[in-house]
Amino acid sequence: MRLPLLLGAVSLLLLAPGVSAAGPKPRVWLADQTPARVAGSGFRAKERVAIVLTSGKVTLRKSVVTTATGRLQASWNASIAGGCQPTWIAAIGAKGSRAVYREVANDCGPIPGKL
């Protein structure tokens, strides 16, 4: 009775999407604001990745191919605003890798005691 349950549980784990012992989880981050530059790691090798960077009213898009080790870099000639603007980055790979970066805007109200 236990063996069929155990085999069923193991087969579900093996078939579960996103389960991989092959490497680190994909991640993406803002490397620079001026000019805008995004970096990432943990993607699949030689994967085409669509990147969308949004900060305030600025949205930048680019498609890049990762290196053999799954790293990526994307740069634009434009800059993004820092400080009071939230920043979002989405990176979606053609082979299924996905990563999201969020930076919440600082509290940009008046400085306490300096109204």
C-alpha atoms as a PDB file:
ATOM      1  CA  MET A   1       0.000   0.000   0.000  1.00  0.00           C
ATOM      2  CA  ARG A   2       2.804   2.454   0.837  1.00  0.00           C
ATOM      3  CA  LEU A   3       4.906   1.682  -2.248  1.00  0.00           C
ATOM      4  CA  PRO A   4       2.299   2.917  -4.798  1.00  0.00           C
ATOM      5  CA  LEU A   5       1.804   6.126  -2.780  1.00  0.00           C
ATOM      6  CA  LEU A   6       5.541   6.680  -2.554  1.00  0.00           C
ATOM      7  CA  LEU A   7       6.028   6.077  -6.283  1.00  0.00           C
ATOM      8  CA  GLY A   8       3.163   8.449  -7.075  1.00  0.00           C
ATOM      9  CA  ALA A   9       4.641  11.199  -4.897  1.00  0.00           C
ATOM     10  CA  VAL A  10       8.092  10.785  -6.454  1.00  0.00           C
ATOM     11  CA  SER A  11       6.682  10.903  -9.991  1.00  0.00           C
ATOM     12  CA  LEU A  12       4.763  14.108  -9.177  1.00  0.00           C
ATOM     13  CA  LEU A  13       7.945  15.736  -7.908  1.00  0.00           C
ATOM     14  CA  LEU A  14       9.850  14.723 -11.023  1.00  0.00           C
ATOM     15  CA  LEU A  15       7.148  16.076 -13.318  1.00  0.00           C
ATOM     16  CA  ALA A  16       6.514  19.310 -11.398  1.00  0.00           C
ATOM     17  CA  PRO A  17       7.304  22.388 -13.495  1.00  0.00           C
ATOM     18  CA  GLY A  18      10.099  24.579 -12.282  1.00  0.00           C
ATOM     19  CA  VAL A  19      11.770  21.890 -10.188  1.00  0.00           C
ATOM     20  CA  SER A  20      15.403  21.785 -11.172  1.00  0.00           C
ATOM     21  CA  ALA A  21      18.614  20.889  -9.448  1.00  0.00           C
ATOM     22  CA  ALA A  22      20.590  22.095 -12.457  1.00  0.00           C
ATOM     23  CA  GLY A  23      21.508  25.506 -11.117  1.00  0.00           C
ATOM     24  CA  PRO A  24      20.558  28.703  -9.349  1.00  0.00           C
ATOM     25  CA  LYS A  25      17.190  30.379  -9.721  1.00  0.00           C
ATOM     26  CA  PRO A  26      17.128  33.120 -12.388  1.00  0.00           C
ATOM     27  CA  ARG A  27      17.453  36.625 -10.995  1.00  0.00           C
ATOM     28  CA  VAL A  28      17.726  40.090 -12.479  1.00  0.00           C
ATOM     29  CA  TRP A  29      18.737  43.427 -10.974  1.00  0.00           C
ATOM     30  CA  LEU A  30      19.339  47.087 -11.786  1.00  0.00           C
ATOM     31  CA  ALA A  31      23.076  47.504 -12.302  1.00  0.00           C
ATOM     32  CA  ASP A  32      23.024  51.252 -13.070  1.00  0.00           C
ATOM     33  CA  GLN A  33      20.548  54.123 -13.568  1.00  0.00           C
ATOM     34  CA  THR A  34      22.644  56.428 -15.775  1.00  0.00           C
ATOM     35  CA  PRO A  35      22.712  55.095 -18.402  1.00  0.00           C
ATOM     36  CA  ALA A  36      20.220  52.354 -17.582  1.00  0.00           C
ATOM     37  CA  ARG A  37      21.824  48.916 -17.272  1.00  0.00           C
ATOM     38  CA  VAL A  38      20.327  45.594 -16.167  1.00  0.00           C
ATOM     39  CA  ALA A  39      22.228  42.425 -15.261  1.00  0.00           C
ATOM     40  CA  GLY A  40      21.075  38.901 -14.507  1.00  0.00           C
ATOM     41  CA  SER A  41      22.207  35.377 -13.748  1.00  0.00           C
ATOM     42  CA  GLY A  42      20.824  31.863 -13.391  1.00  0.00           C
ATOM     43  CA  PHE A  43      19.120  31.810 -16.790  1.00  0.00           C
ATOM     44  CA  ARG A  44      19.477  28.930 -19.223  1.00  0.00           C
ATOM     45  CA  ALA A  45      22.526  28.932 -21.496  1.00  0.00           C
ATOM     46  CA  LYS A  46      22.158  30.794 -24.803  1.00  0.00           C
ATOM     47  CA  GLU A  47      18.539  31.710 -23.986  1.00  0.00           C
ATOM     48  CA  ARG A  48      16.887  34.709 -25.649  1.00  0.00           C
ATOM     49  CA  VAL A  49      15.483  36.888 -22.863  1.00  0.00           C
ATOM     50  CA  ALA A  50      13.037  39.776 -23.261  1.00  0.00           C
ATOM     51  CA  ILE A  51      13.656  42.497 -20.690  1.00  0.00           C
ATOM     52  CA  VAL A  52      11.253  45.278 -19.702  1.00  0.00           C
ATOM     53  CA  LEU A  53      12.535  47.995 -17.355  1.00  0.00           C
ATOM     54  CA  THR A  54       9.988  50.486 -16.008  1.00  0.00           C
ATOM     55  CA  SER A  55      10.761  53.396 -13.717  1.00  0.00           C
ATOM     56  CA  GLY A  56       8.243  56.187 -13.292  1.00  0.00           C
ATOM     57  CA  LYS A  57       7.011  57.141 -16.767  1.00  0.00           C
ATOM     58  CA  VAL A  58       9.986  55.554 -18.566  1.00  0.00           C
ATOM     59  CA  THR A  59       9.689  52.050 -20.046  1.00  0.00           C
ATOM     60  CA  LEU A  60      12.669  50.479 -21.783  1.00  0.00           C
ATOM     61  CA  ARG A  61      12.611  47.164 -23.671  1.00  0.00           C
ATOM     62  CA  LYS A  62      15.367  44.986 -25.017  1.00  0.00           C
ATOM     63  CA  SER A  63      15.976  41.394 -26.044  1.00  0.00           C
ATOM     64  CA  VAL A  64      19.349  39.780 -25.303  1.00  0.00           C
ATOM     65  CA  VAL A  65      20.892  36.306 -25.455  1.00  0.00           C
ATOM     66  CA  THR A  66      22.443  34.897 -22.297  1.00  0.00           C
ATOM     67  CA  THR A  67      25.997  33.652 -22.111  1.00  0.00           C
ATOM     68  CA  ALA A  68      26.961  29.979 -21.916  1.00  0.00           C
ATOM     69  CA  THR A  69      26.818  30.331 -18.121  1.00  0.00           C
ATOM     70  CA  GLY A  70      23.321  31.919 -18.116  1.00  0.00           C
ATOM     71  CA  ARG A  71      24.340  35.515 -17.397  1.00  0.00           C
ATOM     72  CA  LEU A  72      22.891  38.548 -19.163  1.00  0.00           C
ATOM     73  CA  GLN A  73      23.429  42.271 -19.538  1.00  0.00           C
ATOM     74  CA  ALA A  74      21.262  44.873 -21.210  1.00  0.00           C
ATOM     75  CA  SER A  75      22.095  48.568 -21.587  1.00  0.00           C
ATOM     76  CA  TRP A  76      20.257  51.517 -23.001  1.00  0.00           C
ATOM     77  CA  ASN A  77      21.383  55.011 -23.997  1.00  0.00           C
ATOM     78  CA  ALA A  78      18.597  56.376 -21.795  1.00  0.00           C
ATOM     79  CA  SER A  79      18.634  56.942 -18.043  1.00  0.00           C
ATOM     80  CA  ILE A  80      15.946  56.247 -15.489  1.00  0.00           C
ATOM     81  CA  ALA A  81      14.881  58.441 -12.609  1.00  0.00           C
ATOM     82  CA  GLY A  82      15.903  57.340  -9.162  1.00  0.00           C
ATOM     83  CA  GLY A  83      14.659  58.293  -5.753  1.00  0.00           C
ATOM     84  CA  CYS A  84      10.904  58.761  -5.726  1.00  0.00           C
ATOM     85  CA  GLN A  85      10.078  56.395  -8.603  1.00  0.00           C
ATOM     86  CA  PRO A  86       9.341  52.676  -8.168  1.00  0.00           C
ATOM     87  CA  THR A  87      11.417  50.504 -10.503  1.00  0.00           C
ATOM     88  CA  TRP A  88      10.322  47.183 -12.025  1.00  0.00           C
ATOM     89  CA  ILE A  89      12.281  44.764 -14.198  1.00  0.00           C
ATOM     90  CA  ALA A  90      10.797  41.671 -15.832  1.00  0.00           C
ATOM     91  CA  ALA A  91      13.010  39.205 -17.683  1.00  0.00           C
ATOM     92  CA  ILE A  92      11.300  36.374 -19.564  1.00  0.00           C
ATOM     93  CA  GLY A  93      13.335  33.765 -21.393  1.00  0.00           C
ATOM     94  CA  ALA A  94      12.314  31.820 -24.484  1.00  0.00           C
ATOM     95  CA  LYS A  95      13.267  28.545 -22.748  1.00  0.00           C
ATOM     96  CA  GLY A  96      11.084  29.243 -19.701  1.00  0.00           C
ATOM     97  CA  SER A  97      13.374  31.181 -17.346  1.00  0.00           C
ATOM     98  CA  ARG A  98      11.700  34.086 -15.540  1.00  0.00           C
ATOM     99  CA  ALA A  99      12.870  36.709 -13.066  1.00  0.00           C
ATOM    100  CA  VAL A 100      11.385  39.885 -11.595  1.00  0.00           C
ATOM    101  CA  TYR A 101      13.018  42.779  -9.734  1.00  0.00           C
ATOM    102  CA  ARG A 102      11.072  45.363  -7.711  1.00  0.00           C
ATOM    103  CA  GLU A 103      12.387  48.445  -5.996  1.00  0.00           C
ATOM    104  CA  VAL A 104       9.791  50.373  -4.045  1.00  0.00           C
ATOM    105  CA  ALA A 105      10.056  54.153  -4.173  1.00  0.00           C
ATOM    106  CA  ASN A 106      11.499  55.916  -1.159  1.00  0.00           C
ATOM    107  CA  ASP A 107       9.139  58.002   0.916  1.00  0.00           C
ATOM    108  CA  CYS A 108       9.544  61.323  -0.857  1.00  0.00           C
ATOM    109  CA  GLY A 109       7.453  63.445   1.449  1.00  0.00           C
ATOM    110  CA  PRO A 110       8.838  66.524   3.166  1.00  0.00           C
ATOM    111  CA  ILE A 111      11.774  66.099   5.516  1.00  0.00           C
ATOM    112  CA  PRO A 112      10.470  65.965   9.111  1.00  0.00           C
ATOM    113  CA  GLY A 113      10.912  69.333  10.806  1.00  0.00           C
ATOM    114  CA  LYS A 114      11.581  71.072   7.431  1.00  0.00           C
ATOM    115  CA  LEU A 115       8.033  71.920   6.306  1.00  0.00           C
END
